[in-house]
């Protein structure tokens, strides 16, 4: 696997983790736990943003990644 493929896979995994935090926040009856899951969901949004920027940078800098 190339670095680009690994970064894209990490982005997809991170999005799945964010969705799971959201689901857990909605499902739990414990308000404190729900708040923690919600906070994690929000914090991971920064990671997703950074990974998206990295993917776009790699596409711009490396010709072989432009059509990915």
C-alpha atoms as a PDB file:
ATOM      1  CA  UNK A   1       0.000   0.000   0.000  1.00  0.00           C
ATOM      2  CA  UNK A   2       1.142   3.501  -0.731  1.00  0.00           C
ATOM      3  CA  UNK A   3       1.252   6.266   1.840  1.00  0.00           C
ATOM      4  CA  UNK A   4      -1.622   7.948   0.012  1.00  0.00           C
ATOM      5  CA  UNK A   5      -3.749   4.810   0.266  1.00  0.00           C
ATOM      6  CA  UNK A   6      -2.930   4.529   3.968  1.00  0.00           C
ATOM      7  CA  UNK A   7      -3.900   8.165   4.609  1.00  0.00           C
ATOM      8  CA  UNK A   8      -7.194   7.714   2.756  1.00  0.00           C
ATOM      9  CA  UNK A   9      -7.908   4.522   4.707  1.00  0.00           C
ATOM     10  CA  UNK A  10      -7.113   6.314   7.961  1.00  0.00           C
ATOM     11  CA  UNK A  11      -9.506   9.103   6.990  1.00  0.00           C
ATOM     12  CA  UNK A  12     -12.272   6.578   6.331  1.00  0.00           C
ATOM     13  CA  UNK A  13     -11.595   4.820   9.644  1.00  0.00           C
ATOM     14  CA  UNK A  14     -11.621   8.108  11.511  1.00  0.00           C
ATOM     15  CA  UNK A  15     -14.986   9.013   9.997  1.00  0.00           C
ATOM     16  CA  UNK A  16     -16.334   5.632  11.128  1.00  0.00           C
ATOM     17  CA  UNK A  17     -15.037   6.256  14.649  1.00  0.00           C
ATOM     18  CA  UNK A  18     -16.721   9.659  14.696  1.00  0.00           C
ATOM     19  CA  UNK A  19     -19.997   8.058  13.650  1.00  0.00           C
ATOM     20  CA  UNK A  20     -19.652   5.473  16.402  1.00  0.00           C
ATOM     21  CA  UNK A  21     -19.073   8.198  19.017  1.00  0.00           C
ATOM     22  CA  UNK A  22     -22.217   9.921  17.772  1.00  0.00           C
ATOM     23  CA  UNK A  23     -24.210   6.692  17.990  1.00  0.00           C
ATOM     24  CA  UNK A  24     -22.941   5.983  21.496  1.00  0.00           C
ATOM     25  CA  UNK A  25     -23.769   9.519  22.621  1.00  0.00           C
ATOM     26  CA  UNK A  26     -27.342   9.054  21.440  1.00  0.00           C
ATOM     27  CA  UNK A  27     -27.792   5.541  22.828  1.00  0.00           C
ATOM     28  CA  UNK A  28     -26.490   5.921  26.352  1.00  0.00           C
ATOM     29  CA  UNK A  29     -28.824   6.872  29.168  1.00  0.00           C
ATOM     30  CA  UNK A  30     -25.971   8.215  31.295  1.00  0.00           C
ATOM     31  CA  UNK A  31     -25.788  11.973  30.691  1.00  0.00           C
ATOM     32  CA  UNK A  32     -22.142  12.169  31.708  1.00  0.00           C
ATOM     33  CA  UNK A  33     -21.127   9.361  29.345  1.00  0.00           C
ATOM     34  CA  UNK A  34     -23.183  10.905  26.579  1.00  0.00           C
ATOM     35  CA  UNK A  35     -21.379  14.223  27.062  1.00  0.00           C
ATOM     36  CA  UNK A  36     -17.990  12.478  26.890  1.00  0.00           C
ATOM     37  CA  UNK A  37     -18.920  10.646  23.676  1.00  0.00           C
ATOM     38  CA  UNK A  38     -20.209  13.889  22.176  1.00  0.00           C
ATOM     39  CA  UNK A  39     -17.007  15.711  23.115  1.00  0.00           C
ATOM     40  CA  UNK A  40     -14.923  12.953  21.517  1.00  0.00           C
ATOM     41  CA  UNK A  41     -17.043  13.207  18.381  1.00  0.00           C
ATOM     42  CA  UNK A  42     -16.374  16.943  18.180  1.00  0.00           C
ATOM     43  CA  UNK A  43     -12.646  16.610  18.885  1.00  0.00           C
ATOM     44  CA  UNK A  44     -12.154  13.961  16.231  1.00  0.00           C
ATOM     45  CA  UNK A  45     -13.619  16.409  13.709  1.00  0.00           C
ATOM     46  CA  UNK A  46     -10.308  18.317  13.840  1.00  0.00           C
ATOM     47  CA  UNK A  47      -8.436  15.121  12.983  1.00  0.00           C
ATOM     48  CA  UNK A  48     -10.764  14.492  10.043  1.00  0.00           C
ATOM     49  CA  UNK A  49     -10.233  18.047   8.815  1.00  0.00           C
ATOM     50  CA  UNK A  50      -6.434  17.645   9.005  1.00  0.00           C
ATOM     51  CA  UNK A  51      -6.540  14.307   7.185  1.00  0.00           C
ATOM     52  CA  UNK A  52      -8.718  15.788   4.417  1.00  0.00           C
ATOM     53  CA  UNK A  53      -6.194  18.606   4.003  1.00  0.00           C
ATOM     54  CA  UNK A  54      -3.369  16.062   3.825  1.00  0.00           C
ATOM     55  CA  UNK A  55      -5.191  14.082   1.126  1.00  0.00           C
ATOM     56  CA  UNK A  56      -5.761  17.251  -0.909  1.00  0.00           C
ATOM     57  CA  UNK A  57      -2.121  18.283  -0.475  1.00  0.00           C
ATOM     58  CA  UNK A  58      -0.925  14.886  -1.637  1.00  0.00           C
ATOM     59  CA  UNK A  59      -3.211  15.051  -4.667  1.00  0.00           C
ATOM     60  CA  UNK A  60      -1.853  18.496  -5.558  1.00  0.00           C
ATOM     61  CA  UNK A  61       1.796  17.558  -5.064  1.00  0.00           C
ATOM     62  CA  UNK A  62       1.927  14.056  -6.504  1.00  0.00           C
ATOM     63  CA  UNK A  63       0.760  13.472 -10.055  1.00  0.00           C
ATOM     64  CA  UNK A  64       0.046   9.772  -9.487  1.00  0.00           C
ATOM     65  CA  UNK A  65      -2.585  10.627  -6.825  1.00  0.00           C
ATOM     66  CA  UNK A  66      -4.571  13.250  -8.764  1.00  0.00           C
ATOM     67  CA  UNK A  67      -7.243  10.866 -10.059  1.00  0.00           C
ATOM     68  CA  UNK A  68      -7.734   9.094  -6.713  1.00  0.00           C
END
